[in-house]
Amino acid sequence: MLDAFATYFAKEWSVISRAPLIFLMAAAVVCGLAYIATSWLYKGRISHLDERIRLRDDQLDDYKTKLEGASPDEARARLDALEAQVAGLLPRHLSETQKAKLRAVVTPPFGSTGSWKIEILYDVASRDSQVYAAEFIEVFRAIGGWVVQSASIMGPSPYPTSGIGVKVKNRAELTAVERLVVDALTGAALQFDYLPPGRLHAGDVALLFTTKTTST
């Protein structure tokens, strides 16, 4: 490209040498126009970048104001706590996976006559306990081999803060049926508390459902 320009310049030198002032003025005009165009182009780009930077800074300031100066980790912890609080307000339900794990453990051995007895109780003052207990009743009755009794109670004591109490005769020496139910709850990743049998214990094992007051 430079060679072509040099060749063109050499051919036109005779014309340029006759009117150097006109040539210099034309060159100055061309350079000036090129400078103005370049300045306008880059000025627009710089202005656009400045606007984006101001927008980013405004967003960051807005986030900091909303988070009250909390760091990203602190904000994540707050969000997790809020999600856990919201989840605690939702009615409890057994997932299909949990139902399958319960069935896999508490299904009687092949050839069993099905004489096991379980009592499922729920606190009438608990908002979701009746529905939650009904899902466990459905699981045990659908399996077969279990005699299921259910009843509502008011103001149970002691109170299982996990929301599920397993009434057993002796926690240190669980019977085969009690161990079966405990293993099923553990396998389904369900929190529970051990409770003494008390006067309401009418079966081989009993489950008590109340409002959950402890966090996961």
N, C-alpha and C. Protein backbone atom coordinates (compact mmCIF):
# COMPACT_ATOMS: atom_id res chain seq x y z
N MET A 1 0.83 -1.20 0.00
CA MET A 1 0.00 0.00 0.00
C MET A 1 0.87 1.26 0.00
N LEU A 2 1.98 1.21 0.78
CA LEU A 2 2.89 2.36 0.82
C LEU A 2 3.57 2.56 -0.53
N ASP A 3 3.89 1.44 -1.20
CA ASP A 3 4.52 1.54 -2.52
C ASP A 3 3.58 2.21 -3.51
N ALA A 4 2.32 1.83 -3.46
CA ALA A 4 1.34 2.43 -4.37
C ALA A 4 1.19 3.92 -4.11
N PHE A 5 1.19 4.30 -2.80
CA PHE A 5 1.07 5.72 -2.46
C PHE A 5 2.30 6.50 -2.94
N ALA A 6 3.49 5.86 -2.77
CA ALA A 6 4.72 6.54 -3.20
C ALA A 6 4.73 6.73 -4.71
N THR A 7 4.28 5.71 -5.43
CA THR A 7 4.24 5.81 -6.90
C THR A 7 3.28 6.91 -7.34
N TYR A 8 2.09 6.96 -6.67
CA TYR A 8 1.10 7.99 -7.01
C TYR A 8 1.64 9.37 -6.69
N PHE A 9 2.30 9.49 -5.54
CA PHE A 9 2.85 10.79 -5.13
C PHE A 9 3.93 11.26 -6.11
N ALA A 10 4.75 10.33 -6.59
CA ALA A 10 5.82 10.69 -7.54
C ALA A 10 5.23 11.17 -8.85
N LYS A 11 4.14 10.50 -9.29
CA LYS A 11 3.53 10.91 -10.55
C LYS A 11 2.88 12.29 -10.44
N GLU A 12 2.32 12.59 -9.25
CA GLU A 12 1.59 13.84 -9.09
C GLU A 12 2.47 14.95 -8.53
N TRP A 13 3.77 14.71 -8.36
CA TRP A 13 4.63 15.71 -7.73
C TRP A 13 4.72 16.99 -8.55
N SER A 14 4.73 16.82 -9.83
CA SER A 14 4.83 18.02 -10.68
C SER A 14 3.64 18.94 -10.46
N VAL A 15 2.45 18.34 -10.30
CA VAL A 15 1.25 19.15 -10.06
C VAL A 15 1.30 19.78 -8.69
N ILE A 16 1.72 18.98 -7.68
CA ILE A 16 1.77 19.48 -6.30
C ILE A 16 2.80 20.59 -6.16
N SER A 17 3.96 20.43 -6.86
CA SER A 17 5.02 21.43 -6.73
C SER A 17 4.61 22.77 -7.32
N ARG A 18 3.66 22.77 -8.23
CA ARG A 18 3.21 24.03 -8.82
C ARG A 18 2.26 24.77 -7.89
N ALA A 19 1.55 24.01 -7.00
CA ALA A 19 0.60 24.67 -6.09
C ALA A 19 0.75 24.07 -4.70
N PRO A 20 1.88 24.30 -4.06
CA PRO A 20 2.11 23.68 -2.73
C PRO A 20 1.15 24.19 -1.67
N LEU A 21 0.77 25.47 -1.76
CA LEU A 21 -0.12 26.03 -0.73
C LEU A 21 -1.49 25.36 -0.78
N ILE A 22 -1.99 25.17 -1.99
CA ILE A 22 -3.31 24.53 -2.14
C ILE A 22 -3.25 23.10 -1.61
N PHE A 23 -2.13 22.43 -1.94
CA PHE A 23 -1.98 21.04 -1.48
C PHE A 23 -1.94 20.97 0.05
N LEU A 24 -1.16 21.90 0.64
CA LEU A 24 -1.05 21.88 2.09
C LEU A 24 -2.39 22.19 2.75
N MET A 25 -3.13 23.12 2.14
CA MET A 25 -4.45 23.45 2.70
C MET A 25 -5.40 22.26 2.59
N ALA A 26 -5.36 21.60 1.44
CA ALA A 26 -6.22 20.43 1.25
C ALA A 26 -5.85 19.32 2.24
N ALA A 27 -4.53 19.13 2.41
CA ALA A 27 -4.07 18.09 3.34
C ALA A 27 -4.50 18.43 4.76
N ALA A 28 -4.43 19.74 5.12
CA ALA A 28 -4.84 20.16 6.46
C ALA A 28 -6.32 19.92 6.68
N VAL A 29 -7.12 20.24 5.63
CA VAL A 29 -8.57 20.02 5.73
C VAL A 29 -8.89 18.55 5.92
N VAL A 30 -8.20 17.70 5.10
CA VAL A 30 -8.44 16.26 5.20
C VAL A 30 -8.06 15.74 6.58
N CYS A 31 -6.89 16.15 7.06
CA CYS A 31 -6.44 15.71 8.39
C CYS A 31 -7.38 16.21 9.48
N GLY A 32 -7.84 17.46 9.31
CA GLY A 32 -8.76 18.01 10.30
C GLY A 32 -10.07 17.24 10.35
N LEU A 33 -10.59 16.94 9.14
CA LEU A 33 -11.83 16.17 9.10
C LEU A 33 -11.65 14.78 9.69
N ALA A 34 -10.49 14.17 9.38
CA ALA A 34 -10.22 12.84 9.93
C ALA A 34 -10.12 12.89 11.46
N TYR A 35 -9.49 13.94 11.98
CA TYR A 35 -9.37 14.09 13.44
C TYR A 35 -10.73 14.29 14.08
N ILE A 36 -11.57 15.12 13.46
CA ILE A 36 -12.90 15.38 14.00
C ILE A 36 -13.74 14.10 14.01
N ALA A 37 -13.66 13.34 12.91
CA ALA A 37 -14.43 12.10 12.82
C ALA A 37 -13.97 11.08 13.87
N THR A 38 -12.62 10.99 13.98
CA THR A 38 -12.07 10.04 14.96
C THR A 38 -12.44 10.45 16.38
N SER A 39 -12.34 11.75 16.68
CA SER A 39 -12.67 12.25 18.01
C SER A 39 -14.14 11.99 18.33
N TRP A 40 -15.01 12.23 17.36
CA TRP A 40 -16.45 12.02 17.57
C TRP A 40 -16.75 10.55 17.84
N LEU A 41 -16.08 9.68 17.04
CA LEU A 41 -16.31 8.24 17.20
C LEU A 41 -15.89 7.77 18.59
N TYR A 42 -14.64 8.12 19.00
CA TYR A 42 -14.15 7.66 20.29
C TYR A 42 -14.83 8.36 21.45
N LYS A 43 -15.26 9.60 21.24
CA LYS A 43 -15.99 10.29 22.28
C LYS A 43 -17.31 9.57 22.58
N GLY A 44 -17.98 9.09 21.51
CA GLY A 44 -19.22 8.34 21.71
C GLY A 44 -18.98 7.04 22.45
N ARG A 45 -17.88 6.35 22.09
CA ARG A 45 -17.56 5.09 22.77
C ARG A 45 -17.22 5.32 24.23
N ILE A 46 -16.43 6.35 24.50
CA ILE A 46 -16.05 6.66 25.88
C ILE A 46 -17.28 7.04 26.70
N SER A 47 -18.16 7.83 26.09
CA SER A 47 -19.38 8.22 26.78
C SER A 47 -20.24 7.00 27.12
N HIS A 48 -20.31 6.06 26.17
CA HIS A 48 -21.09 4.85 26.40
C HIS A 48 -20.48 4.02 27.53
N LEU A 49 -19.15 3.91 27.54
CA LEU A 49 -18.48 3.16 28.61
C LEU A 49 -18.67 3.84 29.96
N ASP A 50 -18.59 5.16 29.98
CA ASP A 50 -18.80 5.89 31.23
C ASP A 50 -20.22 5.66 31.76
N GLU A 51 -21.19 5.61 30.86
CA GLU A 51 -22.58 5.39 31.26
C GLU A 51 -22.75 4.00 31.85
N ARG A 52 -22.09 3.01 31.23
CA ARG A 52 -22.18 1.64 31.76
C ARG A 52 -21.52 1.54 33.13
N ILE A 53 -20.41 2.23 33.31
CA ILE A 53 -19.73 2.21 34.60
C ILE A 53 -20.60 2.88 35.67
N ARG A 54 -21.24 4.00 35.33
CA ARG A 54 -22.12 4.66 36.28
C ARG A 54 -23.31 3.77 36.65
N LEU A 55 -23.86 3.07 35.65
CA LEU A 55 -24.98 2.17 35.90
C LEU A 55 -24.55 1.03 36.83
N ARG A 56 -23.35 0.48 36.57
CA ARG A 56 -22.85 -0.60 37.43
C ARG A 56 -22.66 -0.12 38.87
N ASP A 57 -22.08 1.08 39.00
CA ASP A 57 -21.86 1.64 40.34
C ASP A 57 -23.19 1.88 41.05
N ASP A 58 -24.18 2.37 40.31
CA ASP A 58 -25.50 2.60 40.92
C ASP A 58 -26.12 1.29 41.38
N GLN A 59 -25.97 0.23 40.58
CA GLN A 59 -26.51 -1.07 40.96
C GLN A 59 -25.82 -1.61 42.20
N LEU A 60 -24.48 -1.47 42.24
CA LEU A 60 -23.73 -1.92 43.41
C LEU A 60 -24.14 -1.16 44.66
N ASP A 61 -24.32 0.15 44.52
CA ASP A 61 -24.76 0.94 45.66
C ASP A 61 -26.15 0.52 46.12
N ASP A 62 -27.02 0.21 45.15
CA ASP A 62 -28.37 -0.23 45.48
C ASP A 62 -28.35 -1.56 46.22
N TYR A 63 -27.51 -2.50 45.73
CA TYR A 63 -27.39 -3.80 46.40
C TYR A 63 -26.85 -3.63 47.82
N LYS A 64 -25.84 -2.77 47.98
CA LYS A 64 -25.27 -2.55 49.31
C LYS A 64 -26.30 -1.97 50.26
N THR A 65 -27.13 -1.05 49.73
CA THR A 65 -28.17 -0.46 50.57
C THR A 65 -29.19 -1.50 51.00
N LYS A 66 -29.62 -2.35 50.05
CA LYS A 66 -30.60 -3.38 50.37
C LYS A 66 -30.03 -4.43 51.32
N LEU A 67 -28.75 -4.73 51.17
CA LEU A 67 -28.12 -5.75 52.02
C LEU A 67 -27.57 -5.17 53.31
N GLU A 68 -27.72 -3.86 53.47
CA GLU A 68 -27.26 -3.18 54.68
C GLU A 68 -25.77 -3.44 54.94
N GLY A 69 -25.00 -3.44 53.88
CA GLY A 69 -23.56 -3.61 54.01
C GLY A 69 -23.09 -5.03 54.20
N ALA A 70 -23.98 -6.00 54.06
CA ALA A 70 -23.59 -7.40 54.26
C ALA A 70 -22.71 -7.89 53.11
N SER A 71 -21.80 -8.79 53.44
CA SER A 71 -20.94 -9.40 52.42
C SER A 71 -21.75 -10.43 51.63
N PRO A 72 -21.26 -10.89 50.48
CA PRO A 72 -21.98 -11.93 49.73
C PRO A 72 -22.27 -13.18 50.55
N ASP A 73 -21.30 -13.61 51.38
CA ASP A 73 -21.52 -14.79 52.21
C ASP A 73 -22.61 -14.54 53.25
N GLU A 74 -22.59 -13.35 53.83
CA GLU A 74 -23.63 -13.01 54.81
C GLU A 74 -24.99 -12.93 54.15
N ALA A 75 -25.04 -12.37 52.94
CA ALA A 75 -26.31 -12.29 52.21
C ALA A 75 -26.83 -13.69 51.89
N ARG A 76 -25.92 -14.60 51.50
CA ARG A 76 -26.31 -15.99 51.21
C ARG A 76 -26.86 -16.67 52.46
N ALA A 77 -26.22 -16.40 53.60
CA ALA A 77 -26.68 -16.99 54.86
C ALA A 77 -28.06 -16.47 55.22
N ARG A 78 -28.29 -15.19 55.00
CA ARG A 78 -29.61 -14.61 55.29
C ARG A 78 -30.68 -15.23 54.39
N LEU A 79 -30.33 -15.40 53.12
CA LEU A 79 -31.27 -15.99 52.17
C LEU A 79 -31.60 -17.43 52.55
N ASP A 80 -30.56 -18.19 52.93
CA ASP A 80 -30.79 -19.58 53.34
C ASP A 80 -31.69 -19.65 54.58
N ALA A 81 -31.45 -18.74 55.52
CA ALA A 81 -32.27 -18.72 56.74
C ALA A 81 -33.72 -18.38 56.40
N LEU A 82 -33.90 -17.44 55.47
CA LEU A 82 -35.25 -17.06 55.08
C LEU A 82 -35.95 -18.21 54.38
N GLU A 83 -35.23 -18.92 53.50
CA GLU A 83 -35.82 -20.07 52.81
C GLU A 83 -36.21 -21.17 53.80
N ALA A 84 -35.36 -21.39 54.80
CA ALA A 84 -35.67 -22.39 55.82
C ALA A 84 -36.90 -21.98 56.63
N GLN A 85 -37.02 -20.67 56.90
CA GLN A 85 -38.18 -20.19 57.64
C GLN A 85 -39.46 -20.36 56.83
N VAL A 86 -39.38 -20.05 55.55
CA VAL A 86 -40.55 -20.23 54.68
C VAL A 86 -40.92 -21.70 54.57
N ALA A 87 -39.89 -22.56 54.42
CA ALA A 87 -40.15 -24.00 54.33
C ALA A 87 -40.82 -24.52 55.59
N GLY A 88 -40.46 -23.93 56.74
CA GLY A 88 -41.06 -24.36 58.00
C GLY A 88 -42.52 -24.00 58.11
N LEU A 89 -42.96 -23.02 57.31
CA LEU A 89 -44.37 -22.62 57.34
C LEU A 89 -45.23 -23.48 56.42
N LEU A 90 -44.60 -24.23 55.53
CA LEU A 90 -45.35 -25.05 54.59
C LEU A 90 -45.80 -26.36 55.25
N PRO A 91 -46.95 -26.88 54.87
CA PRO A 91 -47.40 -28.17 55.42
C PRO A 91 -46.41 -29.28 55.07
N ARG A 92 -46.19 -30.18 55.98
CA ARG A 92 -45.27 -31.30 55.74
C ARG A 92 -45.96 -32.37 54.89
N HIS A 93 -45.18 -32.99 54.04
CA HIS A 93 -45.68 -34.10 53.21
C HIS A 93 -44.55 -35.10 53.01
N LEU A 94 -44.93 -36.34 52.85
CA LEU A 94 -43.97 -37.36 52.49
C LEU A 94 -43.74 -37.32 50.99
N SER A 95 -42.50 -37.28 50.58
CA SER A 95 -42.21 -37.36 49.15
C SER A 95 -42.36 -38.80 48.69
N GLU A 96 -42.45 -38.99 47.40
CA GLU A 96 -42.57 -40.35 46.87
C GLU A 96 -41.33 -41.18 47.21
N THR A 97 -40.17 -40.52 47.23
CA THR A 97 -38.94 -41.22 47.61
C THR A 97 -39.00 -41.68 49.05
N GLN A 98 -39.47 -40.82 49.94
CA GLN A 98 -39.59 -41.19 51.35
C GLN A 98 -40.60 -42.31 51.54
N LYS A 99 -41.70 -42.25 50.83
CA LYS A 99 -42.70 -43.33 50.93
C LYS A 99 -42.09 -44.66 50.49
N ALA A 100 -41.33 -44.63 49.40
CA ALA A 100 -40.71 -45.86 48.90
C ALA A 100 -39.71 -46.42 49.91
N LYS A 101 -38.94 -45.53 50.56
CA LYS A 101 -37.97 -46.00 51.55
C LYS A 101 -38.66 -46.56 52.78
N LEU A 102 -39.75 -45.93 53.19
CA LEU A 102 -40.51 -46.46 54.33
C LEU A 102 -41.05 -47.85 54.00
N ARG A 103 -41.65 -47.99 52.82
CA ARG A 103 -42.21 -49.29 52.43
C ARG A 103 -41.14 -50.37 52.35
N ALA A 104 -39.97 -49.99 51.85
CA ALA A 104 -38.90 -50.97 51.67
C ALA A 104 -38.44 -51.56 53.00
N VAL A 105 -38.53 -50.78 54.08
CA VAL A 105 -38.05 -51.24 55.38
C VAL A 105 -39.14 -51.93 56.19
N VAL A 106 -40.34 -51.36 56.20
CA VAL A 106 -41.39 -51.87 57.10
C VAL A 106 -42.25 -52.95 56.45
N THR A 107 -41.99 -53.32 55.22
CA THR A 107 -42.74 -54.42 54.61
C THR A 107 -42.43 -55.72 55.35
N PRO A 108 -43.46 -56.45 55.82
CA PRO A 108 -43.22 -57.69 56.57
C PRO A 108 -42.48 -58.71 55.73
N PRO A 109 -41.68 -59.56 56.38
CA PRO A 109 -40.96 -60.61 55.64
C PRO A 109 -41.93 -61.53 54.92
N PHE A 110 -41.45 -62.18 53.88
CA PHE A 110 -42.28 -63.09 53.11
C PHE A 110 -42.86 -64.18 54.02
N GLY A 111 -44.17 -64.39 53.92
CA GLY A 111 -44.81 -65.42 54.73
C GLY A 111 -45.28 -64.93 56.09
N SER A 112 -45.08 -63.62 56.41
CA SER A 112 -45.51 -63.11 57.70
C SER A 112 -47.03 -63.08 57.79
N THR A 113 -47.53 -63.38 58.96
CA THR A 113 -48.99 -63.35 59.15
C THR A 113 -49.50 -61.95 59.37
N GLY A 114 -48.60 -60.99 59.62
CA GLY A 114 -49.02 -59.60 59.73
C GLY A 114 -49.74 -59.28 61.02
N SER A 115 -49.13 -59.61 62.12
CA SER A 115 -49.76 -59.32 63.41
C SER A 115 -49.16 -58.10 64.09
N TRP A 116 -48.34 -57.35 63.39
CA TRP A 116 -47.72 -56.19 64.00
C TRP A 116 -48.76 -55.07 64.16
N LYS A 117 -48.64 -54.34 65.28
CA LYS A 117 -49.60 -53.28 65.57
C LYS A 117 -48.86 -51.96 65.74
N ILE A 118 -49.35 -50.94 65.07
CA ILE A 118 -48.77 -49.61 65.19
C ILE A 118 -49.88 -48.62 65.46
N GLU A 119 -49.63 -47.70 66.39
CA GLU A 119 -50.59 -46.66 66.72
C GLU A 119 -50.04 -45.33 66.20
N ILE A 120 -50.83 -44.62 65.42
CA ILE A 120 -50.42 -43.34 64.86
C ILE A 120 -51.31 -42.25 65.44
N LEU A 121 -50.69 -41.33 66.17
CA LEU A 121 -51.39 -40.27 66.89
C LEU A 121 -50.99 -38.91 66.33
N TYR A 122 -51.90 -37.96 66.43
CA TYR A 122 -51.57 -36.60 65.99
C TYR A 122 -52.19 -35.59 66.94
N ASP A 123 -51.48 -34.49 67.11
CA ASP A 123 -51.92 -33.41 67.99
C ASP A 123 -52.94 -32.55 67.27
N VAL A 124 -54.13 -32.41 67.84
CA VAL A 124 -55.20 -31.64 67.17
C VAL A 124 -54.86 -30.15 67.10
N ALA A 125 -53.94 -29.69 67.95
CA ALA A 125 -53.56 -28.29 67.92
C ALA A 125 -52.51 -27.99 66.86
N SER A 126 -51.99 -29.02 66.23
CA SER A 126 -50.96 -28.85 65.20
C SER A 126 -51.61 -28.63 63.85
N ARG A 127 -51.14 -27.65 63.13
CA ARG A 127 -51.77 -27.23 61.89
C ARG A 127 -51.75 -28.31 60.81
N ASP A 128 -50.65 -29.03 60.67
CA ASP A 128 -50.54 -29.98 59.56
C ASP A 128 -50.38 -31.43 60.00
N SER A 129 -50.43 -31.68 61.31
CA SER A 129 -50.14 -33.03 61.80
C SER A 129 -51.14 -34.07 61.32
N GLN A 130 -52.40 -33.72 61.24
CA GLN A 130 -53.41 -34.70 60.84
C GLN A 130 -53.16 -35.19 59.41
N VAL A 131 -52.90 -34.25 58.51
CA VAL A 131 -52.65 -34.62 57.12
C VAL A 131 -51.36 -35.42 57.00
N TYR A 132 -50.34 -34.99 57.73
CA TYR A 132 -49.04 -35.68 57.70
C TYR A 132 -49.18 -37.09 58.26
N ALA A 133 -49.89 -37.24 59.38
CA ALA A 133 -50.10 -38.56 59.97
C ALA A 133 -50.90 -39.45 59.02
N ALA A 134 -51.85 -38.86 58.30
CA ALA A 134 -52.66 -39.65 57.36
C ALA A 134 -51.81 -40.26 56.26
N GLU A 135 -50.73 -39.59 55.87
CA GLU A 135 -49.86 -40.14 54.84
C GLU A 135 -49.11 -41.37 55.36
N PHE A 136 -48.70 -41.33 56.63
CA PHE A 136 -48.06 -42.51 57.23
C PHE A 136 -49.06 -43.65 57.38
N ILE A 137 -50.28 -43.33 57.77
CA ILE A 137 -51.32 -44.36 57.88
C ILE A 137 -51.53 -45.04 56.53
N GLU A 138 -51.56 -44.23 55.49
CA GLU A 138 -51.76 -44.77 54.14
C GLU A 138 -50.61 -45.71 53.75
N VAL A 139 -49.38 -45.33 54.10
CA VAL A 139 -48.23 -46.17 53.78
C VAL A 139 -48.32 -47.51 54.47
N PHE A 140 -48.59 -47.52 55.77
CA PHE A 140 -48.62 -48.77 56.53
C PHE A 140 -49.81 -49.65 56.11
N ARG A 141 -50.95 -49.05 55.87
CA ARG A 141 -52.11 -49.84 55.48
C ARG A 141 -51.96 -50.41 54.08
N ALA A 142 -51.29 -49.66 53.19
CA ALA A 142 -51.11 -50.15 51.82
C ALA A 142 -50.15 -51.32 51.76
N ILE A 143 -49.24 -51.39 52.71
CA ILE A 143 -48.28 -52.48 52.73
C ILE A 143 -48.95 -53.80 53.05
N GLY A 144 -49.86 -53.77 54.01
CA GLY A 144 -50.44 -55.01 54.51
C GLY A 144 -49.53 -55.60 55.56
N GLY A 145 -50.08 -56.46 56.40
CA GLY A 145 -49.27 -57.05 57.46
C GLY A 145 -49.17 -56.19 58.70
N TRP A 146 -49.82 -55.03 58.67
CA TRP A 146 -49.81 -54.15 59.83
C TRP A 146 -51.26 -53.89 60.28
N VAL A 147 -51.46 -53.88 61.57
CA VAL A 147 -52.73 -53.43 62.15
C VAL A 147 -52.51 -51.99 62.58
N VAL A 148 -53.20 -51.07 61.92
CA VAL A 148 -52.97 -49.64 62.15
C VAL A 148 -54.13 -49.05 62.93
N GLN A 149 -53.82 -48.42 64.05
CA GLN A 149 -54.80 -47.68 64.83
C GLN A 149 -54.40 -46.21 64.83
N SER A 150 -55.38 -45.32 64.78
CA SER A 150 -55.08 -43.89 64.77
C SER A 150 -56.00 -43.17 65.74
N ALA A 151 -55.51 -42.06 66.27
CA ALA A 151 -56.30 -41.27 67.20
C ALA A 151 -55.73 -39.86 67.28
N SER A 152 -56.55 -38.92 67.69
CA SER A 152 -56.11 -37.54 67.90
C SER A 152 -55.96 -37.30 69.40
N ILE A 153 -55.00 -36.47 69.76
CA ILE A 153 -54.79 -36.13 71.16
C ILE A 153 -54.59 -34.63 71.28
N MET A 154 -54.64 -34.12 72.51
CA MET A 154 -54.47 -32.69 72.73
C MET A 154 -53.42 -32.48 73.82
N GLY A 155 -52.48 -31.60 73.55
CA GLY A 155 -51.45 -31.26 74.51
C GLY A 155 -50.58 -32.42 74.92
N PRO A 156 -49.95 -33.12 73.98
CA PRO A 156 -49.12 -34.27 74.35
C PRO A 156 -47.92 -33.85 75.19
N SER A 157 -47.55 -34.70 76.10
CA SER A 157 -46.38 -34.47 76.94
C SER A 157 -45.75 -35.83 77.29
N PRO A 158 -44.45 -35.98 77.06
CA PRO A 158 -43.50 -35.00 76.50
C PRO A 158 -43.78 -34.71 75.03
N TYR A 159 -43.23 -33.57 74.58
CA TYR A 159 -43.53 -33.06 73.25
C TYR A 159 -42.32 -33.26 72.33
N PRO A 160 -42.49 -33.97 71.22
CA PRO A 160 -41.36 -34.15 70.28
C PRO A 160 -41.12 -32.88 69.46
N THR A 161 -40.04 -32.19 69.73
CA THR A 161 -39.78 -30.92 69.04
C THR A 161 -39.46 -31.11 67.56
N SER A 162 -39.06 -32.32 67.17
CA SER A 162 -38.79 -32.59 65.76
C SER A 162 -40.07 -32.72 64.95
N GLY A 163 -41.21 -32.84 65.63
CA GLY A 163 -42.49 -33.01 64.95
C GLY A 163 -42.92 -34.45 64.84
N ILE A 164 -42.01 -35.40 65.11
CA ILE A 164 -42.33 -36.83 65.07
C ILE A 164 -41.75 -37.48 66.32
N GLY A 165 -42.60 -38.16 67.06
CA GLY A 165 -42.14 -38.89 68.22
C GLY A 165 -42.36 -40.38 68.03
N VAL A 166 -41.38 -41.18 68.40
CA VAL A 166 -41.50 -42.64 68.34
C VAL A 166 -41.62 -43.14 69.78
N LYS A 167 -42.78 -43.66 70.11
CA LYS A 167 -43.02 -44.17 71.46
C LYS A 167 -42.52 -45.60 71.54
N VAL A 168 -41.54 -45.83 72.40
CA VAL A 168 -40.95 -47.16 72.56
C VAL A 168 -40.93 -47.52 74.03
N LYS A 169 -40.92 -48.80 74.30
CA LYS A 169 -40.94 -49.27 75.69
C LYS A 169 -39.61 -49.01 76.38
N ASN A 170 -38.51 -49.24 75.69
CA ASN A 170 -37.18 -49.06 76.27
C ASN A 170 -36.22 -48.66 75.15
N ARG A 171 -35.78 -47.42 75.15
CA ARG A 171 -34.92 -46.94 74.08
C ARG A 171 -33.61 -47.71 74.02
N ALA A 172 -33.14 -48.15 75.17
CA ALA A 172 -31.86 -48.86 75.22
C ALA A 172 -31.97 -50.27 74.64
N GLU A 173 -33.17 -50.82 74.64
CA GLU A 173 -33.37 -52.17 74.12
C GLU A 173 -34.64 -52.19 73.26
N LEU A 174 -34.51 -51.75 72.04
CA LEU A 174 -35.65 -51.70 71.13
C LEU A 174 -36.09 -53.10 70.74
N THR A 175 -37.40 -53.27 70.65
CA THR A 175 -37.91 -54.54 70.15
C THR A 175 -37.69 -54.61 68.64
N ALA A 176 -37.93 -55.76 68.07
CA ALA A 176 -37.74 -55.93 66.62
C ALA A 176 -38.64 -54.99 65.84
N VAL A 177 -39.88 -54.82 66.27
CA VAL A 177 -40.82 -53.95 65.56
C VAL A 177 -40.42 -52.49 65.74
N GLU A 178 -40.04 -52.11 66.95
CA GLU A 178 -39.61 -50.74 67.19
C GLU A 178 -38.37 -50.41 66.34
N ARG A 179 -37.42 -51.33 66.29
CA ARG A 179 -36.23 -51.13 65.48
C ARG A 179 -36.57 -50.98 64.01
N LEU A 180 -37.56 -51.71 63.55
CA LEU A 180 -37.99 -51.64 62.15
C LEU A 180 -38.49 -50.24 61.81
N VAL A 181 -39.33 -49.70 62.68
CA VAL A 181 -39.89 -48.37 62.43
C VAL A 181 -38.81 -47.29 62.53
N VAL A 182 -37.93 -47.42 63.52
CA VAL A 182 -36.83 -46.46 63.67
C VAL A 182 -35.92 -46.48 62.45
N ASP A 183 -35.58 -47.66 61.98
CA ASP A 183 -34.73 -47.77 60.79
C ASP A 183 -35.42 -47.19 59.56
N ALA A 184 -36.73 -47.38 59.47
CA ALA A 184 -37.48 -46.84 58.32
C ALA A 184 -37.46 -45.32 58.33
N LEU A 185 -37.67 -44.71 59.48
CA LEU A 185 -37.64 -43.24 59.57
C LEU A 185 -36.24 -42.72 59.27
N THR A 186 -35.24 -43.40 59.77
CA THR A 186 -33.86 -42.98 59.52
C THR A 186 -33.52 -43.09 58.03
N GLY A 187 -33.93 -44.20 57.41
CA GLY A 187 -33.67 -44.39 55.99
C GLY A 187 -34.36 -43.37 55.12
N ALA A 188 -35.51 -42.87 55.58
CA ALA A 188 -36.25 -41.85 54.82
C ALA A 188 -35.81 -40.44 55.18
N ALA A 189 -34.73 -40.32 55.95
CA ALA A 189 -34.16 -39.01 56.34
C ALA A 189 -35.18 -38.16 57.08
N LEU A 190 -35.92 -38.77 58.00
CA LEU A 190 -36.92 -38.06 58.80
C LEU A 190 -36.41 -37.93 60.23
N GLN A 191 -36.42 -36.71 60.74
CA GLN A 191 -36.02 -36.48 62.12
C GLN A 191 -37.12 -36.95 63.07
N PHE A 192 -36.73 -37.47 64.22
CA PHE A 192 -37.72 -37.91 65.21
C PHE A 192 -37.10 -37.88 66.59
N ASP A 193 -37.96 -37.93 67.60
CA ASP A 193 -37.55 -38.01 68.99
C ASP A 193 -38.07 -39.30 69.59
N TYR A 194 -37.30 -39.89 70.49
CA TYR A 194 -37.77 -41.05 71.24
C TYR A 194 -38.66 -40.56 72.39
N LEU A 195 -39.79 -41.22 72.59
CA LEU A 195 -40.69 -40.89 73.66
C LEU A 195 -41.03 -42.14 74.46
N PRO A 196 -41.31 -41.98 75.76
CA PRO A 196 -41.75 -43.13 76.54
C PRO A 196 -43.14 -43.56 76.09
N PRO A 197 -43.53 -44.80 76.31
CA PRO A 197 -44.82 -45.28 75.82
C PRO A 197 -46.01 -44.55 76.43
N GLY A 198 -46.01 -44.32 77.72
CA GLY A 198 -47.12 -43.63 78.36
C GLY A 198 -48.41 -44.41 78.28
N ARG A 199 -49.48 -43.80 78.68
CA ARG A 199 -50.77 -44.48 78.70
C ARG A 199 -51.40 -44.62 77.32
N LEU A 200 -50.84 -43.90 76.33
CA LEU A 200 -51.43 -43.95 74.99
C LEU A 200 -50.79 -45.03 74.11
N HIS A 201 -49.85 -45.74 74.65
CA HIS A 201 -49.15 -46.74 73.85
C HIS A 201 -49.94 -48.04 73.85
N ALA A 202 -50.66 -48.29 72.76
CA ALA A 202 -51.53 -49.46 72.70
C ALA A 202 -51.03 -50.54 71.76
N GLY A 203 -50.05 -50.22 70.88
CA GLY A 203 -49.56 -51.19 69.91
C GLY A 203 -48.15 -51.63 70.22
N ASP A 204 -47.55 -52.30 69.24
CA ASP A 204 -46.14 -52.69 69.39
C ASP A 204 -45.22 -51.47 69.31
N VAL A 205 -45.67 -50.45 68.64
CA VAL A 205 -44.92 -49.20 68.50
C VAL A 205 -45.93 -48.11 68.18
N ALA A 206 -45.59 -46.87 68.51
CA ALA A 206 -46.51 -45.77 68.24
C ALA A 206 -45.74 -44.58 67.68
N LEU A 207 -46.39 -43.85 66.79
CA LEU A 207 -45.85 -42.61 66.23
C LEU A 207 -46.75 -41.46 66.65
N LEU A 208 -46.13 -40.36 67.09
CA LEU A 208 -46.87 -39.16 67.48
C LEU A 208 -46.42 -38.00 66.61
N PHE A 209 -47.39 -37.31 66.01
CA PHE A 209 -47.10 -36.17 65.12
C PHE A 209 -47.56 -34.88 65.78
N THR A 210 -46.65 -33.93 65.85
CA THR A 210 -46.93 -32.62 66.43
C THR A 210 -46.33 -31.54 65.54
N THR A 211 -46.48 -30.29 65.96
CA THR A 211 -45.84 -29.20 65.22
C THR A 211 -44.33 -29.25 65.42
N LYS A 212 -43.60 -29.10 64.35
CA LYS A 212 -42.14 -29.12 64.42
C LYS A 212 -41.65 -27.77 64.94
N THR A 213 -40.84 -27.80 65.99
CA THR A 213 -40.34 -26.55 66.59
C THR A 213 -38.83 -26.43 66.50
N THR A 214 -38.15 -27.41 65.94
CA THR A 214 -36.70 -27.32 65.76
C THR A 214 -36.38 -27.20 64.29
N SER A 215 -35.24 -26.55 63.98
CA SER A 215 -34.82 -26.38 62.60
C SER A 215 -34.06 -27.61 62.17
N THR A 216 -33.96 -27.80 60.81
CA THR A 216 -33.24 -28.95 60.29
C THR A 216 -31.76 -28.73 60.41
